[in-house]
Amino acid sequence: RQVALGAVALLVVNLLGVAIPLQVRGVVNGLQEGFSLAAVLRQALL
């Protein structure tokens, strides 16, 4: 049970580890096209 929970937790960690750079990519690309500070702050908070 502990091993299974640990594996699920690792899966969540790695999914987030893949999602965060994609989120950063979207923010950086958004800065090139013009941006609003409120939108950037929301993305940064996320």
All heavy atoms as atom14 arrays in JSON, in Angstrom:
{
  "sequence": "RQVALGAVALLVVNLLGVAIPLQVRGVVNGLQEGFSLAAVLRQALL",
  "atom14_mask": [
    [1, 1, 1, 1, 1, 1, 1, 1, 1, 1, 1, 0, 0, 0],
    [1, 1, 1, 1, 1, 1, 1, 1, 1, 0, 0, 0, 0, 0],
    [1, 1, 1, 1, 1, 1, 1, 0, 0, 0, 0, 0, 0, 0],
    [1, 1, 1, 1, 1, 0, 0, 0, 0, 0, 0, 0, 0, 0],
    [1, 1, 1, 1, 1, 1, 1, 1, 0, 0, 0, 0, 0, 0],
    [1, 1, 1, 1, 0, 0, 0, 0, 0, 0, 0, 0, 0, 0],
    [1, 1, 1, 1, 1, 0, 0, 0, 0, 0, 0, 0, 0, 0],
    [1, 1, 1, 1, 1, 1, 1, 0, 0, 0, 0, 0, 0, 0],
    [1, 1, 1, 1, 1, 0, 0, 0, 0, 0, 0, 0, 0, 0],
    [1, 1, 1, 1, 1, 1, 1, 1, 0, 0, 0, 0, 0, 0],
    [1, 1, 1, 1, 1, 1, 1, 1, 0, 0, 0, 0, 0, 0],
    [1, 1, 1, 1, 1, 1, 1, 0, 0, 0, 0, 0, 0, 0],
    [1, 1, 1, 1, 1, 1, 1, 0, 0, 0, 0, 0, 0, 0],
    [1, 1, 1, 1, 1, 1, 1, 1, 0, 0, 0, 0, 0, 0],
    [1, 1, 1, 1, 1, 1, 1, 1, 0, 0, 0, 0, 0, 0],
    [1, 1, 1, 1, 1, 1, 1, 1, 0, 0, 0, 0, 0, 0],
    [1, 1, 1, 1, 0, 0, 0, 0, 0, 0, 0, 0, 0, 0],
    [1, 1, 1, 1, 1, 1, 1, 0, 0, 0, 0, 0, 0, 0],
    [1, 1, 1, 1, 1, 0, 0, 0, 0, 0, 0, 0, 0, 0],
    [1, 1, 1, 1, 1, 1, 1, 1, 0, 0, 0, 0, 0, 0],
    [1, 1, 1, 1, 1, 1, 1, 0, 0, 0, 0, 0, 0, 0],
    [1, 1, 1, 1, 1, 1, 1, 1, 0, 0, 0, 0, 0, 0],
    [1, 1, 1, 1, 1, 1, 1, 1, 1, 0, 0, 0, 0, 0],
    [1, 1, 1, 1, 1, 1, 1, 0, 0, 0, 0, 0, 0, 0],
    [1, 1, 1, 1, 1, 1, 1, 1, 1, 1, 1, 0, 0, 0],
    [1, 1, 1, 1, 0, 0, 0, 0, 0, 0, 0, 0, 0, 0],
    [1, 1, 1, 1, 1, 1, 1, 0, 0, 0, 0, 0, 0, 0],
    [1, 1, 1, 1, 1, 1, 1, 0, 0, 0, 0, 0, 0, 0],
    [1, 1, 1, 1, 1, 1, 1, 1, 0, 0, 0, 0, 0, 0],
    [1, 1, 1, 1, 0, 0, 0, 0, 0, 0, 0, 0, 0, 0],
    [1, 1, 1, 1, 1, 1, 1, 1, 0, 0, 0, 0, 0, 0],
    [1, 1, 1, 1, 1, 1, 1, 1, 1, 0, 0, 0, 0, 0],
    [1, 1, 1, 1, 1, 1, 1, 1, 1, 0, 0, 0, 0, 0],
    [1, 1, 1, 1, 0, 0, 0, 0, 0, 0, 0, 0, 0, 0],
    [1, 1, 1, 1, 1, 1, 1, 1, 1, 1, 1, 0, 0, 0],
    [1, 1, 1, 1, 1, 1, 0, 0, 0, 0, 0, 0, 0, 0],
    [1, 1, 1, 1, 1, 1, 1, 1, 0, 0, 0, 0, 0, 0],
    [1, 1, 1, 1, 1, 0, 0, 0, 0, 0, 0, 0, 0, 0],
    [1, 1, 1, 1, 1, 0, 0, 0, 0, 0, 0, 0, 0, 0],
    [1, 1, 1, 1, 1, 1, 1, 0, 0, 0, 0, 0, 0, 0],
    [1, 1, 1, 1, 1, 1, 1, 1, 0, 0, 0, 0, 0, 0],
    [1, 1, 1, 1, 1, 1, 1, 1, 1, 1, 1, 0, 0, 0],
    [1, 1, 1, 1, 1, 1, 1, 1, 1, 0, 0, 0, 0, 0],
    [1, 1, 1, 1, 1, 0, 0, 0, 0, 0, 0, 0, 0, 0],
    [1, 1, 1, 1, 1, 1, 1, 1, 0, 0, 0, 0, 0, 0],
    [1, 1, 1, 1, 1, 1, 1, 1, 0, 0, 0, 0, 0, 0]
  ],
  "atom14_positions": [
    [[0.84, -1.21, 0.0], [0.0, 0.0, 0.0], [0.87, 1.25, 0.0], [0.62, 2.19, -0.77], [-0.92, -0.01, 1.22], [-1.88, 1.18, 1.27], [-2.87, 1.03, 2.44], [-3.76, 2.19, 2.51], [-3.46, 3.31, 3.16], [-2.29, 3.4, 3.81], [-4.31, 4.33, 3.18], [0.0, 0.0, 0.0], [0.0, 0.0, 0.0], [0.0, 0.0, 0.0]],
    [[1.9, 1.26, 0.86], [2.8, 2.4, 0.89], [3.56, 2.55, -0.42], [3.75, 3.66, -0.91], [3.79, 2.27, 2.05], [3.21, 2.62, 3.41], [4.24, 2.45, 4.5], [4.31, 1.39, 5.12], [5.05, 3.46, 4.73], [0.0, 0.0, 0.0], [0.0, 0.0, 0.0], [0.0, 0.0, 0.0], [0.0, 0.0, 0.0], [0.0, 0.0, 0.0]],
    [[4.01, 1.42, -0.97], [4.75, 1.46, -2.23], [3.86, 2.0, -3.34], [4.29, 2.84, -4.16], [5.29, 0.06, -2.6], [5.92, 0.07, -3.99], [6.31, -0.41, -1.56], [0.0, 0.0, 0.0], [0.0, 0.0, 0.0], [0.0, 0.0, 0.0], [0.0, 0.0, 0.0], [0.0, 0.0, 0.0], [0.0, 0.0, 0.0], [0.0, 0.0, 0.0]],
    [[2.6, 1.55, -3.39], [1.67, 2.01, -4.43], [1.41, 3.51, -4.28], [1.42, 4.26, -5.27], [0.37, 1.22, -4.35], [0.0, 0.0, 0.0], [0.0, 0.0, 0.0], [0.0, 0.0, 0.0], [0.0, 0.0, 0.0], [0.0, 0.0, 0.0], [0.0, 0.0, 0.0], [0.0, 0.0, 0.0], [0.0, 0.0, 0.0], [0.0, 0.0, 0.0]],
    [[1.19, 3.97, -3.05], [0.98, 5.4, -2.82], [2.21, 6.21, -3.21], [2.1, 7.3, -3.79], [0.62, 5.65, -1.36], [-0.78, 5.22, -0.9], [-0.92, 5.4, 0.6], [-1.85, 6.02, -1.63], [0.0, 0.0, 0.0], [0.0, 0.0, 0.0], [0.0, 0.0, 0.0], [0.0, 0.0, 0.0], [0.0, 0.0, 0.0], [0.0, 0.0, 0.0]],
    [[3.39, 5.66, -2.9], [4.63, 6.33, -3.28], [4.77, 6.44, -4.79], [5.22, 7.48, -5.31], [0.0, 0.0, 0.0], [0.0, 0.0, 0.0], [0.0, 0.0, 0.0], [0.0, 0.0, 0.0], [0.0, 0.0, 0.0], [0.0, 0.0, 0.0], [0.0, 0.0, 0.0], [0.0, 0.0, 0.0], [0.0, 0.0, 0.0], [0.0, 0.0, 0.0]],
    [[4.39, 5.36, -5.52], [4.46, 5.39, -6.98], [3.49, 6.41, -7.56], [3.82, 7.15, -8.5], [4.17, 4.0, -7.54], [0.0, 0.0, 0.0], [0.0, 0.0, 0.0], [0.0, 0.0, 0.0], [0.0, 0.0, 0.0], [0.0, 0.0, 0.0], [0.0, 0.0, 0.0], [0.0, 0.0, 0.0], [0.0, 0.0, 0.0], [0.0, 0.0, 0.0]],
    [[2.28, 6.47, -7.0], [1.29, 7.46, -7.46], [1.81, 8.87, -7.19], [1.69, 9.78, -8.04], [-0.06, 7.23, -6.76], [-1.01, 8.38, -7.05], [-0.67, 5.91, -7.21], [0.0, 0.0, 0.0], [0.0, 0.0, 0.0], [0.0, 0.0, 0.0], [0.0, 0.0, 0.0], [0.0, 0.0, 0.0], [0.0, 0.0, 0.0], [0.0, 0.0, 0.0]],
    [[2.41, 9.08, -6.03], [2.95, 10.4, -5.71], [4.07, 10.78, -6.68], [4.14, 11.94, -7.14], [3.48, 10.41, -4.28], [0.0, 0.0, 0.0], [0.0, 0.0, 0.0], [0.0, 0.0, 0.0], [0.0, 0.0, 0.0], [0.0, 0.0, 0.0], [0.0, 0.0, 0.0], [0.0, 0.0, 0.0], [0.0, 0.0, 0.0], [0.0, 0.0, 0.0]],
    [[4.93, 9.81, -7.03], [5.99, 10.09, -8.0], [5.42, 10.43, -9.36], [5.95, 11.29, -10.08], [6.93, 8.89, -8.1], [7.99, 8.73, -7.01], [8.78, 7.45, -7.21], [8.94, 9.92, -7.01], [0.0, 0.0, 0.0], [0.0, 0.0, 0.0], [0.0, 0.0, 0.0], [0.0, 0.0, 0.0], [0.0, 0.0, 0.0], [0.0, 0.0, 0.0]],
    [[4.34, 9.75, -9.74], [3.69, 10.05, -11.02], [3.16, 11.49, -11.03], [3.34, 12.22, -12.02], [2.55, 9.06, -11.27], [1.76, 9.25, -12.57], [2.68, 9.09, -13.78], [0.61, 8.25, -12.64], [0.0, 0.0, 0.0], [0.0, 0.0, 0.0], [0.0, 0.0, 0.0], [0.0, 0.0, 0.0], [0.0, 0.0, 0.0], [0.0, 0.0, 0.0]],
    [[2.54, 11.9, -9.93], [2.04, 13.27, -9.82], [3.2, 14.26, -9.91], [3.12, 15.29, -10.61], [1.26, 13.46, -8.51], [0.9, 14.93, -8.29], [0.01, 12.6, -8.51], [0.0, 0.0, 0.0], [0.0, 0.0, 0.0], [0.0, 0.0, 0.0], [0.0, 0.0, 0.0], [0.0, 0.0, 0.0], [0.0, 0.0, 0.0], [0.0, 0.0, 0.0]],
    [[4.3, 13.98, -9.22], [5.47, 14.86, -9.24], [5.99, 15.03, -10.67], [6.29, 16.15, -11.12], [6.57, 14.3, -8.33], [7.91, 15.01, -8.58], [6.19, 14.45, -6.87], [0.0, 0.0, 0.0], [0.0, 0.0, 0.0], [0.0, 0.0, 0.0], [0.0, 0.0, 0.0], [0.0, 0.0, 0.0], [0.0, 0.0, 0.0], [0.0, 0.0, 0.0]],
    [[6.09, 13.93, -11.39], [6.65, 14.0, -12.75], [5.68, 14.65, -13.73], [6.11, 15.33, -14.67], [7.04, 12.6, -13.21], [8.35, 12.14, -12.6], [9.42, 12.54, -13.04], [8.27, 11.31, -11.56], [0.0, 0.0, 0.0], [0.0, 0.0, 0.0], [0.0, 0.0, 0.0], [0.0, 0.0, 0.0], [0.0, 0.0, 0.0], [0.0, 0.0, 0.0]],
    [[4.39, 14.45, -13.52], [3.41, 15.15, -14.37], [3.5, 16.66, -14.16], [3.47, 17.44, -15.13], [1.99, 14.65, -14.05], [1.64, 13.25, -14.57], [0.29, 12.81, -14.01], [1.62, 13.21, -16.1], [0.0, 0.0, 0.0], [0.0, 0.0, 0.0], [0.0, 0.0, 0.0], [0.0, 0.0, 0.0], [0.0, 0.0, 0.0], [0.0, 0.0, 0.0]],
    [[3.61, 17.08, -12.92], [3.78, 18.5, -12.64], [5.11, 19.01, -13.17], [5.21, 20.15, -13.66], [3.69, 18.76, -11.13], [2.29, 18.6, -10.51], [2.37, 18.66, -8.99], [1.35, 19.68, -11.04], [0.0, 0.0, 0.0], [0.0, 0.0, 0.0], [0.0, 0.0, 0.0], [0.0, 0.0, 0.0], [0.0, 0.0, 0.0], [0.0, 0.0, 0.0]],
    [[6.15, 18.14, -13.08], [7.46, 18.53, -13.6], [7.45, 18.75, -15.1], [8.23, 19.55, -15.63], [0.0, 0.0, 0.0], [0.0, 0.0, 0.0], [0.0, 0.0, 0.0], [0.0, 0.0, 0.0], [0.0, 0.0, 0.0], [0.0, 0.0, 0.0], [0.0, 0.0, 0.0], [0.0, 0.0, 0.0], [0.0, 0.0, 0.0], [0.0, 0.0, 0.0]],
    [[6.58, 18.06, -15.81], [6.43, 18.26, -17.26], [5.54, 19.47, -17.54], [5.77, 20.24, -18.49], [5.85, 16.99, -17.91], [5.49, 17.25, -19.37], [6.85, 15.84, -17.82], [0.0, 0.0, 0.0], [0.0, 0.0, 0.0], [0.0, 0.0, 0.0], [0.0, 0.0, 0.0], [0.0, 0.0, 0.0], [0.0, 0.0, 0.0], [0.0, 0.0, 0.0]],
    [[4.52, 19.66, -16.71], [3.55, 20.74, -16.96], [4.13, 22.12, -16.69], [3.8, 23.09, -17.4], [2.31, 20.51, -16.1], [0.0, 0.0, 0.0], [0.0, 0.0, 0.0], [0.0, 0.0, 0.0], [0.0, 0.0, 0.0], [0.0, 0.0, 0.0], [0.0, 0.0, 0.0], [0.0, 0.0, 0.0], [0.0, 0.0, 0.0], [0.0, 0.0, 0.0]],
    [[4.98, 22.25, -15.68], [5.5, 23.57, -15.32], [6.3, 24.22, -16.45], [6.07, 25.39, -16.79], [6.32, 23.48, -14.01], [5.38, 23.23, -12.83], [7.13, 24.76, -13.77], [6.09, 22.97, -11.52], [0.0, 0.0, 0.0], [0.0, 0.0, 0.0], [0.0, 0.0, 0.0], [0.0, 0.0, 0.0], [0.0, 0.0, 0.0], [0.0, 0.0, 0.0]],
    [[7.27, 23.52, -17.09], [7.98, 24.15, -18.22], [7.04, 24.56, -19.36], [7.27, 25.59, -20.02], [8.97, 23.08, -18.66], [9.2, 22.26, -17.45], [7.88, 22.23, -16.76], [0.0, 0.0, 0.0], [0.0, 0.0, 0.0], [0.0, 0.0, 0.0], [0.0, 0.0, 0.0], [0.0, 0.0, 0.0], [0.0, 0.0, 0.0], [0.0, 0.0, 0.0]],
    [[6.0, 23.77, -19.63], [5.04, 24.14, -20.67], [4.31, 25.42, -20.29], [4.02, 26.29, -21.13], [4.05, 23.0, -20.91], [4.64, 21.7, -21.48], [3.56, 20.63, -21.6], [5.3, 21.95, -22.83], [0.0, 0.0, 0.0], [0.0, 0.0, 0.0], [0.0, 0.0, 0.0], [0.0, 0.0, 0.0], [0.0, 0.0, 0.0], [0.0, 0.0, 0.0]],
    [[3.99, 25.53, -18.99], [3.34, 26.74, -18.52], [4.28, 27.94, -18.65], [3.86, 29.04, -19.04], [2.94, 26.55, -17.05], [1.98, 27.59, -16.52], [0.59, 27.47, -17.14], [0.2, 26.38, -17.56], [-0.12, 28.59, -17.23], [0.0, 0.0, 0.0], [0.0, 0.0, 0.0], [0.0, 0.0, 0.0], [0.0, 0.0, 0.0], [0.0, 0.0, 0.0]],
    [[5.57, 27.74, -18.34], [6.57, 28.8, -18.48], [6.69, 29.2, -19.95], [6.81, 30.4, -20.29], [7.92, 28.35, -17.91], [9.02, 29.36, -18.25], [7.83, 28.17, -16.4], [0.0, 0.0, 0.0], [0.0, 0.0, 0.0], [0.0, 0.0, 0.0], [0.0, 0.0, 0.0], [0.0, 0.0, 0.0], [0.0, 0.0, 0.0], [0.0, 0.0, 0.0]],
    [[6.69, 28.21, -20.84], [6.76, 28.51, -22.28], [5.63, 29.43, -22.7], [5.83, 30.41, -23.43], [6.71, 27.22, -23.09], [6.78, 27.45, -24.6], [6.66, 26.16, -25.38], [5.34, 25.55, -25.24], [4.92, 24.52, -25.97], [5.73, 23.97, -26.88], [3.72, 24.03, -25.78], [0.0, 0.0, 0.0], [0.0, 0.0, 0.0], [0.0, 0.0, 0.0]],
    [[4.42, 29.13, -22.23], [3.28, 29.97, -22.59], [3.43, 31.4, -22.1], [3.1, 32.37, -22.81], [0.0, 0.0, 0.0], [0.0, 0.0, 0.0], [0.0, 0.0, 0.0], [0.0, 0.0, 0.0], [0.0, 0.0, 0.0], [0.0, 0.0, 0.0], [0.0, 0.0, 0.0], [0.0, 0.0, 0.0], [0.0, 0.0, 0.0], [0.0, 0.0, 0.0]],
    [[3.96, 31.55, -20.86], [4.15, 32.9, -20.3], [5.18, 33.68, -21.12], [4.98, 34.85, -21.47], [4.57, 32.81, -18.82], [4.93, 34.2, -18.28], [3.46, 32.21, -17.99], [0.0, 0.0, 0.0], [0.0, 0.0, 0.0], [0.0, 0.0, 0.0], [0.0, 0.0, 0.0], [0.0, 0.0, 0.0], [0.0, 0.0, 0.0], [0.0, 0.0, 0.0]],
    [[6.32, 33.03, -21.41], [7.4, 33.72, -22.15], [6.92, 34.1, -23.54], [7.16, 35.22, -24.03], [8.66, 32.83, -22.22], [9.71, 33.46, -23.13], [9.23, 32.63, -20.83], [0.0, 0.0, 0.0], [0.0, 0.0, 0.0], [0.0, 0.0, 0.0], [0.0, 0.0, 0.0], [0.0, 0.0, 0.0], [0.0, 0.0, 0.0], [0.0, 0.0, 0.0]],
    [[6.25, 33.18, -24.21], [5.75, 33.5, -25.55], [4.71, 34.62, -25.5], [4.62, 35.46, -26.4], [5.14, 32.26, -26.21], [6.21, 31.26, -26.63], [7.37, 31.64, -26.81], [5.82, 30.0, -26.77], [0.0, 0.0, 0.0], [0.0, 0.0, 0.0], [0.0, 0.0, 0.0], [0.0, 0.0, 0.0], [0.0, 0.0, 0.0], [0.0, 0.0, 0.0]],
    [[3.92, 34.64, -24.42], [2.93, 35.71, -24.27], [3.57, 37.07, -24.08], [3.03, 38.1, -24.51], [0.0, 0.0, 0.0], [0.0, 0.0, 0.0], [0.0, 0.0, 0.0], [0.0, 0.0, 0.0], [0.0, 0.0, 0.0], [0.0, 0.0, 0.0], [0.0, 0.0, 0.0], [0.0, 0.0, 0.0], [0.0, 0.0, 0.0], [0.0, 0.0, 0.0]],
    [[4.76, 37.11, -23.46], [5.46, 38.37, -23.26], [5.91, 38.99, -24.59], [6.02, 40.21, -24.72], [6.68, 38.16, -22.35], [6.39, 37.82, -20.89], [7.69, 37.52, -20.16], [5.65, 38.94, -20.21], [0.0, 0.0, 0.0], [0.0, 0.0, 0.0], [0.0, 0.0, 0.0], [0.0, 0.0, 0.0], [0.0, 0.0, 0.0], [0.0, 0.0, 0.0]],
    [[6.18, 38.15, -25.6], [6.64, 38.65, -26.88], [5.52, 39.37, -27.65], [5.76, 40.25, -28.46], [7.17, 37.5, -27.74], [8.44, 36.88, -27.18], [8.86, 35.66, -28.0], [8.16, 34.66, -28.03], [9.98, 35.79, -28.67], [0.0, 0.0, 0.0], [0.0, 0.0, 0.0], [0.0, 0.0, 0.0], [0.0, 0.0, 0.0], [0.0, 0.0, 0.0]],
    [[4.3, 38.98, -27.41], [3.18, 39.48, -28.2], [2.45, 40.63, -27.51], [1.39, 41.06, -27.95], [2.2, 38.34, -28.47], [2.84, 37.18, -29.21], [1.97, 35.92, -29.16], [0.9, 35.98, -28.51], [2.37, 34.9, -29.73], [0.0, 0.0, 0.0], [0.0, 0.0, 0.0], [0.0, 0.0, 0.0], [0.0, 0.0, 0.0], [0.0, 0.0, 0.0]],
    [[3.01, 41.09, -26.42], [2.29, 42.09, -25.62], [1.54, 41.4, -24.51], [1.02, 40.31, -24.69], [0.0, 0.0, 0.0], [0.0, 0.0, 0.0], [0.0, 0.0, 0.0], [0.0, 0.0, 0.0], [0.0, 0.0, 0.0], [0.0, 0.0, 0.0], [0.0, 0.0, 0.0], [0.0, 0.0, 0.0], [0.0, 0.0, 0.0], [0.0, 0.0, 0.0]],
    [[1.5, 42.01, -23.34], [0.94, 41.3, -22.19], [0.33, 42.29, -21.21], [0.64, 43.49, -21.25], [2.02, 40.49, -21.5], [3.12, 41.35, -20.93], [3.08, 41.79, -19.61], [4.19, 41.76, -21.73], [4.09, 42.6, -19.1], [5.19, 42.56, -21.21], [5.15, 42.97, -19.9], [0.0, 0.0, 0.0], [0.0, 0.0, 0.0], [0.0, 0.0, 0.0]],
    [[-0.49, 41.73, -20.33], [-1.01, 42.52, -19.21], [-0.38, 42.0, -17.92], [-0.18, 40.79, -17.76], [-2.53, 42.41, -19.12], [-2.91, 41.12, -18.71], [0.0, 0.0, 0.0], [0.0, 0.0, 0.0], [0.0, 0.0, 0.0], [0.0, 0.0, 0.0], [0.0, 0.0, 0.0], [0.0, 0.0, 0.0], [0.0, 0.0, 0.0], [0.0, 0.0, 0.0]],
    [[-0.05, 42.92, -17.03], [0.62, 42.53, -15.78], [-0.25, 41.58, -14.97], [0.25, 40.62, -14.36], [0.95, 43.78, -14.96], [1.7, 43.54, -13.64], [3.02, 42.85, -13.89], [1.9, 44.85, -12.89], [0.0, 0.0, 0.0], [0.0, 0.0, 0.0], [0.0, 0.0, 0.0], [0.0, 0.0, 0.0], [0.0, 0.0, 0.0], [0.0, 0.0, 0.0]],
    [[-1.53, 41.81, -14.97], [-2.43, 40.96, -14.19], [-2.4, 39.52, -14.69], [-2.38, 38.56, -13.91], [-3.86, 41.51, -14.26], [0.0, 0.0, 0.0], [0.0, 0.0, 0.0], [0.0, 0.0, 0.0], [0.0, 0.0, 0.0], [0.0, 0.0, 0.0], [0.0, 0.0, 0.0], [0.0, 0.0, 0.0], [0.0, 0.0, 0.0], [0.0, 0.0, 0.0]],
    [[-2.36, 39.36, -16.02], [-2.32, 38.0, -16.6], [-1.01, 37.3, -16.25], [-0.98, 36.11, -15.91], [-2.49, 38.08, -18.12], [0.0, 0.0, 0.0], [0.0, 0.0, 0.0], [0.0, 0.0, 0.0], [0.0, 0.0, 0.0], [0.0, 0.0, 0.0], [0.0, 0.0, 0.0], [0.0, 0.0, 0.0], [0.0, 0.0, 0.0], [0.0, 0.0, 0.0]],
    [[0.1, 38.06, -16.32], [1.41, 37.47, -15.98], [1.44, 37.06, -14.51], [1.94, 35.98, -14.15], [2.54, 38.47, -16.29], [3.87, 37.95, -15.75], [2.65, 38.7, -17.78], [0.0, 0.0, 0.0], [0.0, 0.0, 0.0], [0.0, 0.0, 0.0], [0.0, 0.0, 0.0], [0.0, 0.0, 0.0], [0.0, 0.0, 0.0], [0.0, 0.0, 0.0]],
    [[0.88, 37.92, -13.65], [0.88, 37.58, -12.22], [0.03, 36.34, -11.95], [0.4, 35.5, -11.11], [0.34, 38.77, -11.41], [1.27, 39.99, -11.33], [0.6, 41.13, -10.57], [2.59, 39.61, -10.66], [0.0, 0.0, 0.0], [0.0, 0.0, 0.0], [0.0, 0.0, 0.0], [0.0, 0.0, 0.0], [0.0, 0.0, 0.0], [0.0, 0.0, 0.0]],
    [[-1.1, 36.23, -12.67], [-1.93, 35.04, -12.5], [-1.16, 33.78, -12.92], [-1.2, 32.75, -12.25], [-3.23, 35.17, -13.31], [-4.27, 36.07, -12.67], [-5.64, 35.85, -13.3], [-5.61, 36.1, -14.73], [-5.84, 37.3, -15.27], [-6.08, 38.36, -14.5], [-5.83, 37.46, -16.59], [0.0, 0.0, 0.0], [0.0, 0.0, 0.0], [0.0, 0.0, 0.0]],
    [[-0.46, 33.88, -14.05], [0.33, 32.74, -14.53], [1.47, 32.41, -13.55], [1.75, 31.25, -13.26], [0.92, 33.06, -15.91], [-0.11, 33.2, -17.02], [-0.76, 31.87, -17.35], [-0.17, 30.82, -17.18], [-2.01, 31.94, -17.81], [0.0, 0.0, 0.0], [0.0, 0.0, 0.0], [0.0, 0.0, 0.0], [0.0, 0.0, 0.0], [0.0, 0.0, 0.0]],
    [[2.1, 33.46, -13.03], [3.2, 33.25, -12.07], [2.68, 32.58, -10.8], [3.32, 31.66, -10.24], [3.87, 34.58, -11.73], [0.0, 0.0, 0.0], [0.0, 0.0, 0.0], [0.0, 0.0, 0.0], [0.0, 0.0, 0.0], [0.0, 0.0, 0.0], [0.0, 0.0, 0.0], [0.0, 0.0, 0.0], [0.0, 0.0, 0.0], [0.0, 0.0, 0.0]],
    [[1.5, 33.04, -10.34], [0.91, 32.42, -9.15], [0.58, 30.96, -9.39], [0.79, 30.1, -8.52], [-0.34, 33.21, -8.75], [-1.06, 32.71, -7.48], [-0.14, 32.78, -6.27], [-2.33, 33.52, -7.23], [0.0, 0.0, 0.0], [0.0, 0.0, 0.0], [0.0, 0.0, 0.0], [0.0, 0.0, 0.0], [0.0, 0.0, 0.0], [0.0, 0.0, 0.0]],
    [[0.09, 30.64, -10.59], [-0.22, 29.26, -10.93], [1.05, 28.4, -10.93], [1.05, 27.27, -10.41], [-0.9, 29.21, -12.3], [-1.23, 27.81, -12.84], [-2.18, 27.08, -11.89], [-1.82, 27.89, -14.25], [0.0, 0.0, 0.0], [0.0, 0.0, 0.0], [0.0, 0.0, 0.0], [0.0, 0.0, 0.0], [0.0, 0.0, 0.0], [0.0, 0.0, 0.0]]
  ]
}
